[in-house]
Protein backbone atom coordinates (compact mmCIF):
# COMPACT_ATOMS: atom_id res chain seq x y z
CA MET A 1 135.77 32.08 122.36
CA HIS A 2 132.10 32.23 121.90
CA VAL A 3 130.19 32.22 118.76
CA LEU A 4 126.13 32.75 118.53
CA ILE A 5 124.46 31.09 115.79
CA LEU A 6 120.86 32.63 115.06
CA GLY A 7 119.62 29.16 113.60
CA GLY A 8 116.60 27.11 112.59
CA THR A 9 117.96 25.97 109.28
CA GLY A 10 119.68 23.19 107.86
CA GLU A 11 122.74 25.23 107.34
CA ALA A 12 122.78 26.51 110.83
CA ARG A 13 122.76 23.06 112.23
CA ARG A 14 125.39 21.67 109.96
CA LEU A 15 127.51 24.72 110.93
CA ALA A 16 127.08 24.09 114.53
CA GLU A 17 128.01 20.22 113.87
CA LEU A 18 131.26 21.39 111.95
CA LEU A 19 132.32 23.97 114.59
CA THR A 20 131.83 21.58 117.57
CA ALA A 21 133.60 18.64 115.92
CA GLU A 22 136.48 20.61 114.64
CA ALA A 23 136.94 23.73 117.31
CA PRO A 24 136.46 21.82 120.54
CA ASP A 25 137.66 25.06 122.57
CA LEU A 26 135.13 27.19 121.05
CA THR A 27 131.68 27.56 122.67
CA VAL A 28 128.87 27.30 120.24
CA THR A 29 125.32 28.59 121.19
CA SER A 30 122.52 28.24 118.54
CA SER A 31 119.50 30.21 119.04
CA LEU A 32 116.03 28.92 117.83
CA ALA A 33 112.90 31.23 117.47
CA GLY A 34 110.67 28.60 118.91
CA ARG A 35 108.07 28.76 116.39
CA VAL A 36 108.45 24.89 115.54
CA ALA A 37 107.15 22.69 118.34
CA ALA A 38 109.64 19.95 118.02
CA PRO A 39 112.69 21.39 116.35
CA ARG A 40 115.75 19.58 115.29
CA LEU A 41 118.24 20.51 118.01
CA PRO A 42 121.88 21.06 116.72
CA PRO A 43 124.83 20.15 118.88
CA GLY A 44 126.26 22.36 121.39
CA GLU A 45 124.67 24.93 123.71
CA VAL A 46 120.99 25.87 122.48
CA ARG A 47 118.65 28.65 123.63
CA ILE A 48 115.06 29.02 122.51
CA GLY A 49 113.04 32.07 122.21
CA GLY A 50 113.37 35.74 121.24
CA PHE A 51 115.75 38.28 122.72
CA GLY A 52 113.40 41.14 122.89
CA GLY A 53 114.47 42.97 119.90
CA ALA A 54 117.85 44.56 118.76
CA GLU A 55 118.55 46.03 122.26
CA GLY A 56 117.83 42.74 123.87
CA LEU A 57 120.08 40.99 121.57
CA ALA A 58 123.06 43.30 121.97
CA ASP A 59 122.51 43.03 125.85
CA TRP A 60 122.77 39.01 125.39
CA LEU A 61 125.92 39.33 123.29
CA ALA A 62 127.49 41.50 125.90
CA ALA A 63 126.47 39.54 128.93
CA HIS A 64 127.57 36.18 127.39
CA HIS A 65 130.90 37.59 125.88
CA VAL A 66 130.15 36.54 122.40
CA ASP A 67 132.95 37.07 120.24
CA ALA A 68 131.19 36.54 116.69
CA LEU A 69 127.55 36.24 115.57
CA ILE A 70 126.24 34.46 112.61
CA ASP A 71 122.98 35.14 111.32
CA ALA A 72 122.13 31.52 109.64
CA THR A 73 118.01 32.12 109.97
CA HIS A 74 115.50 31.47 107.08
CA PRO A 75 116.21 33.99 104.25
CA PHE A 76 112.57 35.43 104.81
CA ALA A 77 113.23 35.81 108.59
CA GLY A 78 113.83 39.59 107.81
CA THR A 79 113.06 41.21 111.19
CA ILE A 80 115.77 39.05 113.10
CA SER A 81 118.26 39.86 110.36
CA PHE A 82 117.66 43.69 110.81
CA ASN A 83 117.86 43.05 114.64
CA ALA A 84 121.20 41.11 114.35
CA ALA A 85 122.82 44.01 112.16
CA GLU A 86 121.93 46.55 114.67
CA ALA A 87 122.82 44.48 117.95
CA ALA A 88 126.24 43.47 116.34
CA ALA A 89 127.08 47.21 115.79
CA THR A 90 126.03 48.10 119.28
CA ALA A 91 127.98 45.40 120.77
CA HIS A 92 131.04 45.77 118.46
CA VAL A 93 130.69 42.01 117.36
CA PRO A 94 131.43 40.89 113.64
CA LEU A 95 128.57 39.54 112.00
CA LEU A 96 128.10 37.18 109.11
CA ALA A 97 125.14 36.22 107.20
CA LEU A 98 124.67 32.54 106.18
CA ARG A 99 122.17 31.98 103.15
CA ARG A 100 121.98 29.23 100.95
CA PRO A 101 121.71 30.29 97.25
CA GLY A 102 118.30 30.88 95.87
CA TRP A 103 116.77 28.49 93.12
CA VAL A 104 117.28 29.44 89.46
CA ALA A 105 114.54 28.60 86.80
CA GLY A 106 115.57 26.13 84.38
CA ASP A 107 114.53 24.85 80.95
CA GLY A 108 110.71 23.99 81.14
CA ASP A 109 109.86 25.89 84.31
CA VAL A 110 106.65 28.08 84.19
CA TRP A 111 107.68 30.52 87.06
CA HIS A 112 105.74 33.66 87.88
CA GLU A 113 107.85 35.79 90.40
CA THR A 114 106.43 38.02 92.87
CA GLY A 115 107.68 40.48 95.51
CA SER A 116 105.34 39.33 98.28
CA LEU A 117 102.85 36.79 99.36
CA GLU A 118 99.96 39.48 98.81
CA GLU A 119 101.10 39.75 95.20
CA ALA A 120 101.27 35.91 94.87
CA ALA A 121 97.60 35.82 96.25
CA GLU A 122 96.39 38.21 93.82
CA LEU A 123 97.93 36.51 90.74
CA LEU A 124 96.64 33.00 91.62
CA PRO A 125 93.30 33.19 90.27
CA ALA A 126 94.56 33.59 86.87
CA LEU A 127 96.72 30.52 86.94
CA GLY A 128 94.64 27.85 88.52
CA ARG A 129 92.06 26.46 90.87
CA ARG A 130 93.89 23.83 93.05
CA VAL A 131 96.95 25.40 94.99
CA PHE A 132 99.70 23.84 96.63
CA LEU A 133 100.93 26.25 99.01
CA THR A 134 104.25 25.83 100.45
CA THR A 135 105.19 29.26 102.06
CA GLY A 136 104.92 28.20 105.76
CA ARG A 137 102.10 28.50 108.29
CA MET A 138 103.15 32.02 109.39
CA GLY A 139 102.06 33.87 106.10
CA LEU A 140 98.61 32.26 105.35
CA ALA A 141 96.85 35.31 106.27
CA ALA A 142 97.64 36.86 102.83
CA PHE A 143 95.53 34.13 101.02
CA ALA A 144 92.77 34.16 103.49
CA HIS A 145 90.54 36.29 101.47
CA VAL A 146 90.93 34.08 98.49
CA ALA A 147 87.53 31.92 98.68
CA ASP A 148 87.18 30.66 95.23
CA LEU A 149 90.51 28.39 95.31
CA TRP A 150 91.15 25.04 97.09
CA PHE A 151 94.29 25.18 98.95
CA LEU A 152 96.75 22.31 99.92
CA VAL A 153 98.91 23.96 102.98
CA ARG A 154 102.06 21.86 103.96
CA SER A 155 103.69 22.88 107.00
CA VAL A 156 105.69 21.38 110.08
CA ASP A 157 103.20 22.44 112.52
CA ALA A 158 99.50 23.21 112.18
CA PRO A 159 98.62 26.77 111.02
CA VAL A 160 96.41 29.09 113.02
CA PRO A 161 93.78 31.36 111.41
CA PRO A 162 93.19 33.26 109.35
CA VAL A 163 93.63 30.80 106.68
CA PRO A 164 91.73 30.45 103.00
CA PRO A 165 88.15 28.84 103.85
CA ARG A 166 88.97 25.93 101.43
CA THR A 167 91.99 24.55 102.96
CA GLU A 168 93.38 21.04 103.59
CA VAL A 169 96.45 20.85 105.92
CA LEU A 170 99.27 18.35 105.23
CA LEU A 171 101.80 18.21 108.21
CA ASP A 172 105.13 16.93 107.12
CA ARG A 173 108.82 18.02 107.33
CA GLY A 174 111.40 17.84 104.70
CA PRO A 175 113.54 16.67 103.00
CA PHE A 176 110.83 15.61 100.43
CA THR A 177 111.59 13.33 97.41
CA LEU A 178 110.91 13.70 93.82
CA ASP A 179 108.62 10.56 93.48
CA GLY A 180 106.66 11.95 96.70
CA GLU A 181 106.33 15.39 95.29
CA ARG A 182 105.16 13.91 91.97
CA GLU A 183 102.57 11.78 93.82
CA LEU A 184 101.33 14.58 95.71
CA LEU A 185 100.68 16.87 92.67
CA ARG A 186 98.86 14.00 91.10
CA ARG A 187 96.69 12.76 93.83
CA HIS A 188 95.38 16.37 94.93
CA ARG A 189 95.13 17.53 91.16
CA ILE A 190 97.45 20.60 91.72
CA ASP A 191 97.43 23.05 89.08
CA VAL A 192 99.53 25.80 90.56
CA VAL A 193 102.26 25.73 93.22
CA VAL A 194 103.21 28.72 95.55
CA THR A 195 106.56 28.73 97.09
CA LYS A 196 109.12 31.30 98.76
CA ASP A 197 112.49 31.27 97.13
CA SER A 198 114.15 29.41 100.07
CA GLY A 199 116.70 27.72 98.15
CA GLY A 200 118.59 24.70 99.07
CA ALA A 201 117.82 20.93 98.10
CA ALA A 202 115.39 19.70 100.78
CA THR A 203 112.41 21.24 99.15
CA ALA A 204 113.44 21.80 95.62
CA PRO A 205 111.72 18.37 94.34
CA LYS A 206 108.49 20.05 94.21
CA LEU A 207 109.93 22.30 91.39
CA THR A 208 110.90 19.44 89.43
CA ALA A 209 107.88 17.80 89.70
CA ALA A 210 105.95 20.84 88.86
CA ARG A 211 108.05 21.31 85.64
CA GLU A 212 107.46 17.73 84.70
CA ALA A 213 103.88 18.24 85.34
CA GLY A 214 103.67 21.51 83.23
CA VAL A 215 102.44 23.08 86.59
CA PRO A 216 102.93 26.73 86.86
CA VAL A 217 105.09 28.08 90.30
CA VAL A 218 104.57 31.32 91.67
CA VAL A 219 107.75 32.13 93.22
CA VAL A 220 108.13 34.94 96.04
CA ARG A 221 111.66 36.68 95.64
CA ARG A 222 113.77 36.59 98.77
CA PRO A 223 114.87 39.90 100.34
CA PRO A 224 118.42 41.08 99.87
CA VAL A 225 121.09 40.69 102.42
CA LEU A 226 121.56 43.98 104.53
CA PRO A 227 124.14 46.36 103.16
CA GLY A 228 127.75 45.99 104.65
CA VAL A 229 126.80 42.53 106.23
CA PRO A 230 129.34 39.88 104.57
CA GLU A 231 127.76 36.69 102.98
CA ALA A 232 128.70 32.95 103.09
CA THR A 233 126.65 30.38 100.95
CA SER A 234 127.59 27.43 102.84
CA PRO A 235 128.52 26.33 106.41
CA GLY A 236 132.11 25.62 105.28
CA GLN A 237 132.43 29.37 103.97
CA ALA A 238 131.03 30.55 107.29
CA ALA A 239 133.63 28.24 109.16
CA ARG A 240 136.34 29.83 106.96
CA TRP A 241 135.05 33.55 107.82
CA LEU A 242 134.96 32.68 111.62
CA SER A 243 138.44 31.31 111.68
CA GLY A 244 139.73 34.33 110.09
CA ALA A 245 137.69 36.88 112.28
CA LEU A 246 138.44 35.08 115.69
CA ASP A 247 142.25 33.91 114.61
CA LEU A 248 141.26 30.08 115.24
CA ARG A 249 142.55 26.95 113.61
CA ILE A 250 139.45 25.13 112.20
CA PHE A 251 139.94 22.27 109.93
CA ILE A 252 137.30 22.46 107.13
CA GLY A 253 136.84 19.96 104.26
CA THR A 254 135.11 20.51 101.19
CA ASP A 255 131.54 22.17 101.40
C-alpha cells in the first residue's frame, strides 16, 4: 500500500512519523512544496516541488500506485487543496484533509476578524502604528501600499518584494515561547498584531502575549475545507481514517 501526504506542516510530519513507525509495510511519501529553503524532513520517502496542477497530481497518483491521499498542507494553502480534490476524484483515490483546529478568542482578547490579507491591511491604520506581521512571506504584497505604518515581519526565509516600505525582517522558525513573544512585543513597541488563523500551539504564544499587553490582533479567517472532503483534526484521527480506508492494522495511541 502507498499513501501520499501533501505536507509542510507539523501535523503532516507527525503523521509520517506515526505511519512509518506503526505500519512498516506501508509506503509513506511526503510531498513538500519547496517554498522553505531548509525544511524539516519527515521520515519515509520525500519529494519536493509542485506536480503541475491537478492533472499532474492525478498522473503522479496513478503512476506511483497511490492508494490514499492526505492533504495535510497549511490551512491557507488553497490552491493545492483544490488540486488535491480534483486529482483524487480523477484517479479514484480516497482523500482526507488533515487540519488542526483554528484558534478561539478567549476572555481579554481583542480580535478583529477579516476575510483576507487585503481587508487586514485596510483595517490597520485605525488600530496601531507598529505592526507585528506574522502572516508569512508570501502575502506581503497586500501590505506594500501601507506607507505610514512600521512593520516587523517574521518569516522562516527572507521575503521578496513588494513589501511595505518601513519593514524590519526577523528570520525565525517556531515553536515560539510565551516569554519570547512578550519580549518581542515590548522590545519593538508593537501595538497591533496581524496573523492568519493557522491554529496549533507552535505560534499561539503571540496571542497570549498580545492579550496580556492589551494589543489588538487582526485575525484572517481560514477558508473552509472543500465540500465532500472528510476532515481529521489530528494525526491520530488521520491514521484511523487511513486504517479503515486501506483495511490496515495500525496501532494508534492517544492523540
